[in-house]
Amino acid sequence: TWKNYISKIYAGESVKSLYIQHPCLHIGYATGYIIADIRDPFKPF
C-alpha cells in the first residue's frame, strides 16, 4: 500500500527519470542529477 514504503530519497524537485546501475541509482530531476547508493535499500543515501 502507500503506507509501507521502507525508505525514501529526497531530490528537491520533480523526479522524471530513474536508472539502475547497481549499486547505484541514478536520478534525473527537473534541474539536477543525483547518484544514490542503494546497497542497503532500507538506508539509501
PDB file of all heavy atoms in Angstrom:
ATOM      1  N   THR A   1       0.856  -1.186   0.000  1.00  0.00           N
ATOM      2  CA  THR A   1       0.000   0.000   0.000  1.00  0.00           C
ATOM      3  C   THR A   1       0.892   1.235   0.000  1.00  0.00           C
ATOM      4  O   THR A   1       2.120   1.145   0.071  1.00  0.00           O
ATOM      5  CB  THR A   1      -0.923   0.058   1.235  1.00  0.00           C
ATOM      6  OG1 THR A   1      -0.148   0.402   2.395  1.00  0.00           O
ATOM      7  CG2 THR A   1      -1.632  -1.267   1.457  1.00  0.00           C
ATOM      8  N   TRP A   2       0.246   2.390  -0.030  1.00  0.00           N
ATOM      9  CA  TRP A   2       1.005   3.645   0.014  1.00  0.00           C
ATOM     10  C   TRP A   2       1.683   3.858   1.361  1.00  0.00           C
ATOM     11  O   TRP A   2       2.582   4.691   1.490  1.00  0.00           O
ATOM     12  CB  TRP A   2       0.082   4.830  -0.297  1.00  0.00           C
ATOM     13  CG  TRP A   2      -1.128   4.893   0.588  1.00  0.00           C
ATOM     14  CD1 TRP A   2      -2.345   4.327   0.351  1.00  0.00           C
ATOM     15  CD2 TRP A   2      -1.233   5.553   1.852  1.00  0.00           C
ATOM     16  NE1 TRP A   2      -3.215   4.595   1.394  1.00  0.00           N
ATOM     17  CE2 TRP A   2      -2.561   5.349   2.322  1.00  0.00           C
ATOM     18  CE3 TRP A   2      -0.356   6.296   2.627  1.00  0.00           C
ATOM     19  CZ2 TRP A   2      -3.009   5.863   3.526  1.00  0.00           C
ATOM     20  CZ3 TRP A   2      -0.803   6.812   3.840  1.00  0.00           C
ATOM     21  CH2 TRP A   2      -2.116   6.594   4.272  1.00  0.00           C
ATOM     22  N   LYS A   3       1.293   3.094   2.371  1.00  0.00           N
ATOM     23  CA  LYS A   3       1.844   3.301   3.712  1.00  0.00           C
ATOM     24  C   LYS A   3       3.204   2.647   3.925  1.00  0.00           C
ATOM     25  O   LYS A   3       3.996   3.115   4.744  1.00  0.00           O
ATOM     26  CB  LYS A   3       0.877   2.743   4.762  1.00  0.00           C
ATOM     27  CG  LYS A   3      -0.471   3.421   4.825  1.00  0.00           C
ATOM     28  CD  LYS A   3      -1.337   2.788   5.905  1.00  0.00           C
ATOM     29  CE  LYS A   3      -2.707   3.444   6.000  1.00  0.00           C
ATOM     30  NZ  LYS A   3      -3.539   2.824   7.049  1.00  0.00           N
ATOM     31  N   ASN A   4       3.453   1.536   3.221  1.00  0.00           N
ATOM     32  CA  ASN A   4       4.589   0.716   3.655  1.00  0.00           C
ATOM     33  C   ASN A   4       5.828   0.816   2.780  1.00  0.00           C
ATOM     34  O   ASN A   4       6.501  -0.177   2.529  1.00  0.00           O
ATOM     35  CB  ASN A   4       4.163  -0.753   3.814  1.00  0.00           C
ATOM     36  CG  ASN A   4       3.462  -1.301   2.586  1.00  0.00           C
ATOM     37  OD1 ASN A   4       3.442  -0.662   1.542  1.00  0.00           O
ATOM     38  ND2 ASN A   4       2.886  -2.473   2.712  1.00  0.00           N
ATOM     39  N   TYR A   5       6.175   2.017   2.327  1.00  0.00           N
ATOM     40  CA  TYR A   5       7.498   2.202   1.740  1.00  0.00           C
ATOM     41  C   TYR A   5       8.530   2.053   2.853  1.00  0.00           C
ATOM     42  O   TYR A   5       8.260   2.334   4.027  1.00  0.00           O
ATOM     43  CB  TYR A   5       7.613   3.557   1.045  1.00  0.00           C
ATOM     44  CG  TYR A   5       7.386   4.756   1.922  1.00  0.00           C
ATOM     45  CD1 TYR A   5       8.450   5.382   2.558  1.00  0.00           C
ATOM     46  CD2 TYR A   5       6.107   5.278   2.126  1.00  0.00           C
ATOM     47  CE1 TYR A   5       8.252   6.486   3.364  1.00  0.00           C
ATOM     48  CE2 TYR A   5       5.897   6.380   2.935  1.00  0.00           C
ATOM     49  CZ  TYR A   5       6.971   6.980   3.545  1.00  0.00           C
ATOM     50  OH  TYR A   5       6.770   8.077   4.359  1.00  0.00           O
ATOM     51  N   ILE A   6       9.712   1.598   2.471  1.00  0.00           N
ATOM     52  CA  ILE A   6      10.719   1.306   3.503  1.00  0.00           C
ATOM     53  C   ILE A   6      11.752   2.415   3.656  1.00  0.00           C
ATOM     54  O   ILE A   6      12.458   2.484   4.666  1.00  0.00           O
ATOM     55  CB  ILE A   6      11.433  -0.027   3.205  1.00  0.00           C
ATOM     56  CG1 ILE A   6      12.133   0.021   1.847  1.00  0.00           C
ATOM     57  CG2 ILE A   6      10.430  -1.189   3.261  1.00  0.00           C
ATOM     58  CD1 ILE A   6      12.994  -1.200   1.556  1.00  0.00           C
ATOM     59  N   SER A   7      11.856   3.278   2.661  1.00  0.00           N
ATOM     60  CA  SER A   7      12.802   4.394   2.732  1.00  0.00           C
ATOM     61  C   SER A   7      12.490   5.355   1.597  1.00  0.00           C
ATOM     62  O   SER A   7      11.646   5.074   0.735  1.00  0.00           O
ATOM     63  CB  SER A   7      14.249   3.901   2.629  1.00  0.00           C
ATOM     64  OG  SER A   7      14.462   3.235   1.393  1.00  0.00           O
ATOM     65  N   LYS A   8      13.155   6.495   1.600  1.00  0.00           N
ATOM     66  CA  LYS A   8      12.961   7.450   0.518  1.00  0.00           C
ATOM     67  C   LYS A   8      14.217   8.294   0.335  1.00  0.00           C
ATOM     68  O   LYS A   8      15.017   8.467   1.254  1.00  0.00           O
ATOM     69  CB  LYS A   8      11.742   8.330   0.763  1.00  0.00           C
ATOM     70  CG  LYS A   8      11.705   9.076   2.071  1.00  0.00           C
ATOM     71  CD  LYS A   8      10.350   9.780   2.235  1.00  0.00           C
ATOM     72  CE  LYS A   8      10.261  10.475   3.575  1.00  0.00           C
ATOM     73  NZ  LYS A   8       8.951  11.155   3.752  1.00  0.00           N
ATOM     74  N   ILE A   9      14.340   8.814  -0.876  1.00  0.00           N
ATOM     75  CA  ILE A   9      15.465   9.674  -1.242  1.00  0.00           C
ATOM     76  C   ILE A   9      14.891  11.000  -1.705  1.00  0.00           C
ATOM     77  O   ILE A   9      14.095  11.036  -2.649  1.00  0.00           O
ATOM     78  CB  ILE A   9      16.309   9.048  -2.367  1.00  0.00           C
ATOM     79  CG1 ILE A   9      16.784   7.656  -1.968  1.00  0.00           C
ATOM     80  CG2 ILE A   9      17.500   9.948  -2.710  1.00  0.00           C
ATOM     81  CD1 ILE A   9      17.345   6.860  -3.130  1.00  0.00           C
ATOM     82  N   TYR A  10      15.276  12.061  -1.054  1.00  0.00           N
ATOM     83  CA  TYR A  10      14.731  13.382  -1.371  1.00  0.00           C
ATOM     84  C   TYR A  10      15.567  14.063  -2.438  1.00  0.00           C
ATOM     85  O   TYR A  10      16.773  14.220  -2.289  1.00  0.00           O
ATOM     86  CB  TYR A  10      14.687  14.238  -0.099  1.00  0.00           C
ATOM     87  CG  TYR A  10      14.244  15.651  -0.346  1.00  0.00           C
ATOM     88  CD1 TYR A  10      12.967  15.913  -0.843  1.00  0.00           C
ATOM     89  CD2 TYR A  10      15.094  16.721  -0.093  1.00  0.00           C
ATOM     90  CE1 TYR A  10      12.560  17.209  -1.084  1.00  0.00           C
ATOM     91  CE2 TYR A  10      14.689  18.018  -0.324  1.00  0.00           C
ATOM     92  CZ  TYR A  10      13.428  18.255  -0.824  1.00  0.00           C
ATOM     93  OH  TYR A  10      13.012  19.542  -1.067  1.00  0.00           O
ATOM     94  N   ALA A  11      14.907  14.481  -3.524  1.00  0.00           N
ATOM     95  CA  ALA A  11      15.613  15.151  -4.620  1.00  0.00           C
ATOM     96  C   ALA A  11      15.450  16.659  -4.575  1.00  0.00           C
ATOM     97  O   ALA A  11      16.359  17.394  -4.943  1.00  0.00           O
ATOM     98  CB  ALA A  11      15.120  14.620  -5.968  1.00  0.00           C
ATOM     99  N   GLY A  12      14.292  17.145  -4.157  1.00  0.00           N
ATOM    100  CA  GLY A  12      14.094  18.591  -4.053  1.00  0.00           C
ATOM    101  C   GLY A  12      13.224  19.174  -5.133  1.00  0.00           C
ATOM    102  O   GLY A  12      12.596  20.207  -4.941  1.00  0.00           O
ATOM    103  N   GLU A  13      13.174  18.531  -6.303  1.00  0.00           N
ATOM    104  CA  GLU A  13      12.297  18.960  -7.382  1.00  0.00           C
ATOM    105  C   GLU A  13      11.780  17.728  -8.108  1.00  0.00           C
ATOM    106  O   GLU A  13      12.193  16.605  -7.820  1.00  0.00           O
ATOM    107  CB  GLU A  13      13.022  19.904  -8.340  1.00  0.00           C
ATOM    108  CG  GLU A  13      13.442  21.216  -7.704  1.00  0.00           C
ATOM    109  CD  GLU A  13      14.104  22.139  -8.709  1.00  0.00           C
ATOM    110  OE1 GLU A  13      13.453  22.516  -9.689  1.00  0.00           O
ATOM    111  OE2 GLU A  13      15.273  22.470  -8.504  1.00  0.00           O
ATOM    112  N   SER A  14      10.902  17.922  -9.065  1.00  0.00           N
ATOM    113  CA  SER A  14      10.203  16.811  -9.694  1.00  0.00           C
ATOM    114  C   SER A  14      11.155  15.803 -10.325  1.00  0.00           C
ATOM    115  O   SER A  14      11.987  16.149 -11.155  1.00  0.00           O
ATOM    116  CB  SER A  14       9.239  17.341 -10.755  1.00  0.00           C
ATOM    117  OG  SER A  14       9.924  18.072 -11.734  1.00  0.00           O
ATOM    118  N   VAL A  15      11.016  14.549  -9.917  1.00  0.00           N
ATOM    119  CA  VAL A  15      11.845  13.472 -10.438  1.00  0.00           C
ATOM    120  C   VAL A  15      11.188  12.919 -11.699  1.00  0.00           C
ATOM    121  O   VAL A  15      10.043  12.491 -11.676  1.00  0.00           O
ATOM    122  CB  VAL A  15      12.032  12.348  -9.406  1.00  0.00           C
ATOM    123  CG1 VAL A  15      12.868  11.220  -9.991  1.00  0.00           C
ATOM    124  CG2 VAL A  15      12.680  12.901  -8.133  1.00  0.00           C
ATOM    125  N   LYS A  16      11.943  12.929 -12.800  1.00  0.00           N
ATOM    126  CA  LYS A  16      11.396  12.484 -14.078  1.00  0.00           C
ATOM    127  C   LYS A  16      12.002  11.175 -14.570  1.00  0.00           C
ATOM    128  O   LYS A  16      11.419  10.516 -15.424  1.00  0.00           O
ATOM    129  CB  LYS A  16      11.614  13.571 -15.136  1.00  0.00           C
ATOM    130  CG  LYS A  16      10.783  14.832 -14.917  1.00  0.00           C
ATOM    131  CD  LYS A  16       9.298  14.529 -15.013  1.00  0.00           C
ATOM    132  CE  LYS A  16       8.437  15.753 -14.813  1.00  0.00           C
ATOM    133  NZ  LYS A  16       8.575  16.743 -15.895  1.00  0.00           N
ATOM    134  N   SER A  17      13.179  10.792 -14.071  1.00  0.00           N
ATOM    135  CA  SER A  17      13.852   9.626 -14.640  1.00  0.00           C
ATOM    136  C   SER A  17      14.684   8.891 -13.597  1.00  0.00           C
ATOM    137  O   SER A  17      15.316   9.513 -12.745  1.00  0.00           O
ATOM    138  CB  SER A  17      14.751  10.060 -15.802  1.00  0.00           C
ATOM    139  OG  SER A  17      15.475   8.970 -16.324  1.00  0.00           O
ATOM    140  N   LEU A  18      14.666   7.547 -13.698  1.00  0.00           N
ATOM    141  CA  LEU A  18      15.472   6.697 -12.835  1.00  0.00           C
ATOM    142  C   LEU A  18      16.223   5.689 -13.697  1.00  0.00           C
ATOM    143  O   LEU A  18      15.702   5.192 -14.700  1.00  0.00           O
ATOM    144  CB  LEU A  18      14.581   5.942 -11.841  1.00  0.00           C
ATOM    145  CG  LEU A  18      13.692   6.776 -10.918  1.00  0.00           C
ATOM    146  CD1 LEU A  18      12.771   5.862 -10.114  1.00  0.00           C
ATOM    147  CD2 LEU A  18      14.527   7.633  -9.992  1.00  0.00           C
ATOM    148  N   TYR A  19      17.464   5.380 -13.279  1.00  0.00           N
ATOM    149  CA  TYR A  19      18.268   4.382 -13.986  1.00  0.00           C
ATOM    150  C   TYR A  19      19.052   3.591 -12.944  1.00  0.00           C
ATOM    151  O   TYR A  19      19.743   4.172 -12.097  1.00  0.00           O
ATOM    152  CB  TYR A  19      19.220   5.047 -14.982  1.00  0.00           C
ATOM    153  CG  TYR A  19      19.937   4.069 -15.889  1.00  0.00           C
ATOM    154  CD1 TYR A  19      19.469   3.816 -17.166  1.00  0.00           C
ATOM    155  CD2 TYR A  19      21.082   3.391 -15.449  1.00  0.00           C
ATOM    156  CE1 TYR A  19      20.120   2.908 -18.002  1.00  0.00           C
ATOM    157  CE2 TYR A  19      21.738   2.483 -16.274  1.00  0.00           C
ATOM    158  CZ  TYR A  19      21.250   2.251 -17.548  1.00  0.00           C
ATOM    159  OH  TYR A  19      21.889   1.351 -18.374  1.00  0.00           O
ATOM    160  N   ILE A  20      18.948   2.263 -13.016  1.00  0.00           N
ATOM    161  CA  ILE A  20      19.669   1.392 -12.090  1.00  0.00           C
ATOM    162  C   ILE A  20      20.974   0.917 -12.720  1.00  0.00           C
ATOM    163  O   ILE A  20      21.004   0.408 -13.839  1.00  0.00           O
ATOM    164  CB  ILE A  20      18.816   0.159 -11.726  1.00  0.00           C
ATOM    165  CG1 ILE A  20      17.645   0.550 -10.824  1.00  0.00           C
ATOM    166  CG2 ILE A  20      19.675  -0.906 -11.071  1.00  0.00           C
ATOM    167  CD1 ILE A  20      17.994   0.722  -9.373  1.00  0.00           C
ATOM    168  N   GLN A  21      22.071   1.131 -12.001  1.00  0.00           N
ATOM    169  CA  GLN A  21      23.363   0.525 -12.326  1.00  0.00           C
ATOM    170  C   GLN A  21      23.973   0.127 -10.987  1.00  0.00           C
ATOM    171  O   GLN A  21      24.723   0.876 -10.370  1.00  0.00           O
ATOM    172  CB  GLN A  21      24.276   1.505 -13.084  1.00  0.00           C
ATOM    173  CG  GLN A  21      25.554   0.855 -13.608  1.00  0.00           C
ATOM    174  CD  GLN A  21      26.513   1.872 -14.201  1.00  0.00           C
ATOM    175  OE1 GLN A  21      26.886   2.831 -13.530  1.00  0.00           O
ATOM    176  NE2 GLN A  21      26.905   1.674 -15.448  1.00  0.00           N
ATOM    177  N   HIS A  22      23.562  -1.054 -10.545  1.00  0.00           N
ATOM    178  CA  HIS A  22      23.906  -1.477  -9.187  1.00  0.00           C
ATOM    179  C   HIS A  22      25.412  -1.320  -8.917  1.00  0.00           C
ATOM    180  O   HIS A  22      26.219  -1.680  -9.767  1.00  0.00           O
ATOM    181  CB  HIS A  22      23.495  -2.934  -8.978  1.00  0.00           C
ATOM    182  CG  HIS A  22      23.448  -3.334  -7.541  1.00  0.00           C
ATOM    183  ND1 HIS A  22      22.370  -3.053  -6.743  1.00  0.00           N
ATOM    184  CD2 HIS A  22      24.360  -3.941  -6.752  1.00  0.00           C
ATOM    185  CE1 HIS A  22      22.612  -3.499  -5.515  1.00  0.00           C
ATOM    186  NE2 HIS A  22      23.821  -4.043  -5.502  1.00  0.00           N
ATOM    187  N   PRO A  23      25.784  -0.771  -7.748  1.00  0.00           N
ATOM    188  CA  PRO A  23      24.940  -0.462  -6.586  1.00  0.00           C
ATOM    189  C   PRO A  23      24.400   0.969  -6.559  1.00  0.00           C
ATOM    190  O   PRO A  23      24.111   1.494  -5.478  1.00  0.00           O
ATOM    191  CB  PRO A  23      25.901  -0.682  -5.427  1.00  0.00           C
ATOM    192  CG  PRO A  23      27.218  -0.204  -5.981  1.00  0.00           C
ATOM    193  CD  PRO A  23      27.221  -0.599  -7.426  1.00  0.00           C
ATOM    194  N   CYS A  24      24.275   1.592  -7.724  1.00  0.00           N
ATOM    195  CA  CYS A  24      23.856   2.998  -7.752  1.00  0.00           C
ATOM    196  C   CYS A  24      22.490   3.158  -8.413  1.00  0.00           C
ATOM    197  O   CYS A  24      22.158   2.446  -9.366  1.00  0.00           O
ATOM    198  CB  CYS A  24      24.878   3.853  -8.493  1.00  0.00           C
ATOM    199  SG  CYS A  24      26.476   3.977  -7.659  1.00  0.00           S
ATOM    200  N   LEU A  25      21.749   4.117  -7.903  1.00  0.00           N
ATOM    201  CA  LEU A  25      20.529   4.575  -8.540  1.00  0.00           C
ATOM    202  C   LEU A  25      20.800   5.975  -9.063  1.00  0.00           C
ATOM    203  O   LEU A  25      21.229   6.858  -8.317  1.00  0.00           O
ATOM    204  CB  LEU A  25      19.364   4.614  -7.543  1.00  0.00           C
ATOM    205  CG  LEU A  25      18.050   5.201  -8.076  1.00  0.00           C
ATOM    206  CD1 LEU A  25      17.437   4.301  -9.145  1.00  0.00           C
ATOM    207  CD2 LEU A  25      17.058   5.429  -6.933  1.00  0.00           C
ATOM    208  N   HIS A  26      20.570   6.168 -10.360  1.00  0.00           N
ATOM    209  CA  HIS A  26      20.771   7.469 -10.987  1.00  0.00           C
ATOM    210  C   HIS A  26      19.418   8.159 -11.112  1.00  0.00           C
ATOM    211  O   HIS A  26      18.467   7.585 -11.658  1.00  0.00           O
ATOM    212  CB  HIS A  26      21.427   7.298 -12.350  1.00  0.00           C
ATOM    213  CG  HIS A  26      22.768   6.628 -12.274  1.00  0.00           C
ATOM    214  ND1 HIS A  26      23.956   7.325 -12.287  1.00  0.00           N
ATOM    215  CD2 HIS A  26      23.101   5.315 -12.157  1.00  0.00           C
ATOM    216  CE1 HIS A  26      24.963   6.473 -12.192  1.00  0.00           C
ATOM    217  NE2 HIS A  26      24.479   5.243 -12.115  1.00  0.00           N
ATOM    218  N   ILE A  27      19.335   9.372 -10.604  1.00  0.00           N
ATOM    219  CA  ILE A  27      18.070  10.104 -10.506  1.00  0.00           C
ATOM    220  C   ILE A  27      18.172  11.394 -11.310  1.00  0.00           C
ATOM    221  O   ILE A  27      19.036  12.240 -11.043  1.00  0.00           O
ATOM    222  CB  ILE A  27      17.742  10.434  -9.032  1.00  0.00           C
ATOM    223  CG1 ILE A  27      17.686   9.153  -8.195  1.00  0.00           C
ATOM    224  CG2 ILE A  27      16.429  11.212  -8.940  1.00  0.00           C
ATOM    225  CD1 ILE A  27      17.621   9.410  -6.698  1.00  0.00           C
ATOM    226  N   GLY A  28      17.296  11.538 -12.273  1.00  0.00           N
ATOM    227  CA  GLY A  28      17.206  12.793 -13.008  1.00  0.00           C
ATOM    228  C   GLY A  28      15.998  13.567 -12.538  1.00  0.00           C
ATOM    229  O   GLY A  28      14.871  13.091 -12.654  1.00  0.00           O
ATOM    230  N   TYR A  29      16.232  14.731 -11.950  1.00  0.00           N
ATOM    231  CA  TYR A  29      15.115  15.567 -11.523  1.00  0.00           C
ATOM    232  C   TYR A  29      15.163  16.880 -12.302  1.00  0.00           C
ATOM    233  O   TYR A  29      16.109  17.145 -13.052  1.00  0.00           O
ATOM    234  CB  TYR A  29      15.123  15.792 -10.013  1.00  0.00           C
ATOM    235  CG  TYR A  29      16.291  16.561  -9.458  1.00  0.00           C
ATOM    236  CD1 TYR A  29      16.224  17.943  -9.282  1.00  0.00           C
ATOM    237  CD2 TYR A  29      17.464  15.919  -9.089  1.00  0.00           C
ATOM    238  CE1 TYR A  29      17.293  18.661  -8.763  1.00  0.00           C
ATOM    239  CE2 TYR A  29      18.535  16.623  -8.571  1.00  0.00           C
ATOM    240  CZ  TYR A  29      18.445  17.994  -8.406  1.00  0.00           C
ATOM    241  OH  TYR A  29      19.500  18.710  -7.898  1.00  0.00           O
ATOM    242  N   ALA A  30      14.157  17.708 -12.153  1.00  0.00           N
ATOM    243  CA  ALA A  30      13.951  18.843 -13.052  1.00  0.00           C
ATOM    244  C   ALA A  30      15.219  19.625 -13.350  1.00  0.00           C
ATOM    245  O   ALA A  30      15.529  19.895 -14.504  1.00  0.00           O
ATOM    246  CB  ALA A  30      12.879  19.777 -12.480  1.00  0.00           C
ATOM    247  N   THR A  31      15.973  19.977 -12.329  1.00  0.00           N
ATOM    248  CA  THR A  31      17.152  20.817 -12.553  1.00  0.00           C
ATOM    249  C   THR A  31      18.427  20.196 -12.002  1.00  0.00           C
ATOM    250  O   THR A  31      19.363  20.907 -11.647  1.00  0.00           O
ATOM    251  CB  THR A  31      16.952  22.207 -11.925  1.00  0.00           C
ATOM    252  OG1 THR A  31      16.705  22.053 -10.519  1.00  0.00           O
ATOM    253  CG2 THR A  31      15.804  22.940 -12.576  1.00  0.00           C
ATOM    254  N   GLY A  32      18.466  18.884 -11.920  1.00  0.00           N
ATOM    255  CA  GLY A  32      19.678  18.280 -11.404  1.00  0.00           C
ATOM    256  C   GLY A  32      19.748  16.779 -11.602  1.00  0.00           C
ATOM    257  O   GLY A  32      18.838  16.150 -12.150  1.00  0.00           O
ATOM    258  N   TYR A  33      20.846  16.234 -11.137  1.00  0.00           N
ATOM    259  CA  TYR A  33      21.172  14.819 -11.313  1.00  0.00           C
ATOM    260  C   TYR A  33      21.786  14.311 -10.015  1.00  0.00           C
ATOM    261  O   TYR A  33      22.682  14.946  -9.443  1.00  0.00           O
ATOM    262  CB  TYR A  33      22.138  14.678 -12.488  1.00  0.00           C
ATOM    263  CG  TYR A  33      22.832  13.350 -12.636  1.00  0.00           C
ATOM    264  CD1 TYR A  33      22.119  12.155 -12.696  1.00  0.00           C
ATOM    265  CD2 TYR A  33      24.226  13.295 -12.747  1.00  0.00           C
ATOM    266  CE1 TYR A  33      22.770  10.947 -12.861  1.00  0.00           C
ATOM    267  CE2 TYR A  33      24.896  12.091 -12.921  1.00  0.00           C
ATOM    268  CZ  TYR A  33      24.158  10.915 -12.976  1.00  0.00           C
ATOM    269  OH  TYR A  33      24.803   9.720 -13.141  1.00  0.00           O
ATOM    270  N   ILE A  34      21.285  13.167  -9.536  1.00  0.00           N
ATOM    271  CA  ILE A  34      21.727  12.596  -8.265  1.00  0.00           C
ATOM    272  C   ILE A  34      22.190  11.166  -8.486  1.00  0.00           C
ATOM    273  O   ILE A  34      21.578  10.413  -9.247  1.00  0.00           O
ATOM    274  CB  ILE A  34      20.578  12.618  -7.229  1.00  0.00           C
ATOM    275  CG1 ILE A  34      20.316  14.048  -6.745  1.00  0.00           C
ATOM    276  CG2 ILE A  34      20.881  11.708  -6.037  1.00  0.00           C
ATOM    277  CD1 ILE A  34      19.075  14.171  -5.886  1.00  0.00           C
ATOM    278  N   ILE A  35      23.279  10.802  -7.806  1.00  0.00           N
ATOM    279  CA  ILE A  35      23.710   9.405  -7.746  1.00  0.00           C
ATOM    280  C   ILE A  35      23.555   8.941  -6.302  1.00  0.00           C
ATOM    281  O   ILE A  35      24.122   9.555  -5.390  1.00  0.00           O
ATOM    282  CB  ILE A  35      25.169   9.240  -8.204  1.00  0.00           C
ATOM    283  CG1 ILE A  35      25.355   9.785  -9.621  1.00  0.00           C
ATOM    284  CG2 ILE A  35      25.577   7.762  -8.151  1.00  0.00           C
ATOM    285  CD1 ILE A  35      26.799   9.773 -10.100  1.00  0.00           C
ATOM    286  N   ALA A  36      22.760   7.885  -6.110  1.00  0.00           N
ATOM    287  CA  ALA A  36      22.490   7.389  -4.762  1.00  0.00           C
ATOM    288  C   ALA A  36      23.021   5.972  -4.600  1.00  0.00           C
ATOM    289  O   ALA A  36      23.010   5.168  -5.547  1.00  0.00           O
ATOM    290  CB  ALA A  36      20.988   7.417  -4.478  1.00  0.00           C
ATOM    291  N   ASP A  37      23.478   5.662  -3.402  1.00  0.00           N
ATOM    292  CA  ASP A  37      23.940   4.320  -3.049  1.00  0.00           C
ATOM    293  C   ASP A  37      22.734   3.519  -2.549  1.00  0.00           C
ATOM    294  O   ASP A  37      22.085   3.915  -1.584  1.00  0.00           O
ATOM    295  CB  ASP A  37      25.011   4.416  -1.962  1.00  0.00           C
ATOM    296  CG  ASP A  37      25.651   3.076  -1.645  1.00  0.00           C
ATOM    297  OD1 ASP A  37      24.911   2.090  -1.460  1.00  0.00           O
ATOM    298  OD2 ASP A  37      26.890   3.008  -1.568  1.00  0.00           O
ATOM    299  N   ILE A  38      22.446   2.381  -3.204  1.00  0.00           N
ATOM    300  CA  ILE A  38      21.270   1.582  -2.821  1.00  0.00           C
ATOM    301  C   ILE A  38      21.678   0.171  -2.392  1.00  0.00           C
ATOM    302  O   ILE A  38      20.871  -0.766  -2.475  1.00  0.00           O
ATOM    303  CB  ILE A  38      20.244   1.509  -3.969  1.00  0.00           C
ATOM    304  CG1 ILE A  38      20.891   0.970  -5.250  1.00  0.00           C
ATOM    305  CG2 ILE A  38      19.634   2.884  -4.226  1.00  0.00           C
ATOM    306  CD1 ILE A  38      19.885   0.641  -6.341  1.00  0.00           C
ATOM    307  N   ARG A  39      22.901   0.013  -1.916  1.00  0.00           N
ATOM    308  CA  ARG A  39      23.311  -1.318  -1.444  1.00  0.00           C
ATOM    309  C   ARG A  39      22.445  -1.782  -0.292  1.00  0.00           C
ATOM    310  O   ARG A  39      22.151  -2.973  -0.169  1.00  0.00           O
ATOM    311  CB  ARG A  39      24.789  -1.293  -1.049  1.00  0.00           C
ATOM    312  CG  ARG A  39      25.733  -1.345  -2.252  1.00  0.00           C
ATOM    313  CD  ARG A  39      27.174  -1.207  -1.846  1.00  0.00           C
ATOM    314  NE  ARG A  39      27.471   0.138  -1.368  1.00  0.00           N
ATOM    315  CZ  ARG A  39      28.699   0.568  -1.086  1.00  0.00           C
ATOM    316  NH1 ARG A  39      29.728  -0.250  -1.210  1.00  0.00           N
ATOM    317  NH2 ARG A  39      28.889   1.805  -0.681  1.00  0.00           N
ATOM    318  N   ASP A  40      22.025  -0.861   0.535  1.00  0.00           N
ATOM    319  CA  ASP A  40      21.050  -1.173   1.583  1.00  0.00           C
ATOM    320  C   ASP A  40      19.769  -0.401   1.248  1.00  0.00           C
ATOM    321  O   ASP A  40      19.680   0.794   1.523  1.00  0.00           O
ATOM    322  CB  ASP A  40      21.568  -0.757   2.958  1.00  0.00           C
ATOM    323  CG  ASP A  40      20.602  -1.120   4.077  1.00  0.00           C
ATOM    324  OD1 ASP A  40      19.467  -1.561   3.772  1.00  0.00           O
ATOM    325  OD2 ASP A  40      20.962  -0.933   5.255  1.00  0.00           O
ATOM    326  N   PRO A  41      18.766  -1.048   0.636  1.00  0.00           N
ATOM    327  CA  PRO A  41      17.542  -0.340   0.231  1.00  0.00           C
ATOM    328  C   PRO A  41      16.803   0.314   1.395  1.00  0.00           C
ATOM    329  O   PRO A  41      16.026   1.244   1.193  1.00  0.00           O
ATOM    330  CB  PRO A  41      16.693  -1.439  -0.417  1.00  0.00           C
ATOM    331  CG  PRO A  41      17.658  -2.523  -0.768  1.00  0.00           C
ATOM    332  CD  PRO A  41      18.713  -2.470   0.292  1.00  0.00           C
ATOM    333  N   PHE A  42      17.049  -0.185   2.613  1.00  0.00           N
ATOM    334  CA  PHE A  42      16.399   0.395   3.784  1.00  0.00           C
ATOM    335  C   PHE A  42      17.081   1.687   4.223  1.00  0.00           C
ATOM    336  O   PHE A  42      16.495   2.473   4.959  1.00  0.00           O
ATOM    337  CB  PHE A  42      16.394  -0.617   4.945  1.00  0.00           C
ATOM    338  CG  PHE A  42      15.465  -1.777   4.728  1.00  0.00           C
ATOM    339  CD1 PHE A  42      15.877  -2.881   4.001  1.00  0.00           C
ATOM    340  CD2 PHE A  42      14.172  -1.768   5.240  1.00  0.00           C
ATOM    341  CE1 PHE A  42      15.030  -3.960   3.789  1.00  0.00           C
ATOM    342  CE2 PHE A  42      13.318  -2.836   5.035  1.00  0.00           C
ATOM    343  CZ  PHE A  42      13.742  -3.938   4.304  1.00  0.00           C
ATOM    344  N   LYS A  43      18.313   1.879   3.749  1.00  0.00           N
ATOM    345  CA  LYS A  43      19.055   3.081   4.106  1.00  0.00           C
ATOM    346  C   LYS A  43      19.825   3.624   2.897  1.00  0.00           C
ATOM    347  O   LYS A  43      21.062   3.730   2.922  1.00  0.00           O
ATOM    348  CB  LYS A  43      20.012   2.796   5.262  1.00  0.00           C
ATOM    349  CG  LYS A  43      19.321   2.422   6.564  1.00  0.00           C
ATOM    350  CD  LYS A  43      20.345   2.146   7.658  1.00  0.00           C
ATOM    351  CE  LYS A  43      19.659   1.760   8.968  1.00  0.00           C
ATOM    352  NZ  LYS A  43      20.651   1.477  10.045  1.00  0.00           N
ATOM    353  N   PRO A  44      19.136   3.965   1.837  1.00  0.00           N
ATOM    354  CA  PRO A  44      19.848   4.545   0.693  1.00  0.00           C
ATOM    355  C   PRO A  44      20.359   5.937   1.050  1.00  0.00           C
ATOM    356  O   PRO A  44      19.800   6.615   1.906  1.00  0.00           O
ATOM    357  CB  PRO A  44      18.764   4.605  -0.388  1.00  0.00           C
ATOM    358  CG  PRO A  44      17.492   4.752   0.383  1.00  0.00           C
ATOM    359  CD  PRO A  44      17.678   3.953   1.642  1.00  0.00           C
ATOM    360  N   PHE A  45      21.420   6.349   0.382  1.00  0.00           N
ATOM    361  CA  PHE A  45      21.917   7.693   0.651  1.00  0.00           C
ATOM    362  C   PHE A  45      22.498   8.287  -0.620  1.00  0.00           C
ATOM    363  O   PHE A  45      22.928   7.569  -1.533  1.00  0.00           O
ATOM    364  CB  PHE A  45      22.956   7.698   1.777  1.00  0.00           C
ATOM    365  CG  PHE A  45      24.201   6.905   1.488  1.00  0.00           C
ATOM    366  CD1 PHE A  45      25.311   7.491   0.873  1.00  0.00           C
ATOM    367  CD2 PHE A  45      24.278   5.554   1.831  1.00  0.00           C
ATOM    368  CE1 PHE A  45      26.458   6.760   0.612  1.00  0.00           C
ATOM    369  CE2 PHE A  45      25.426   4.817   1.570  1.00  0.00           C
ATOM    370  CZ  PHE A  45      26.516   5.418   0.957  1.00  0.00           C
TER     371      PHE A  45
END
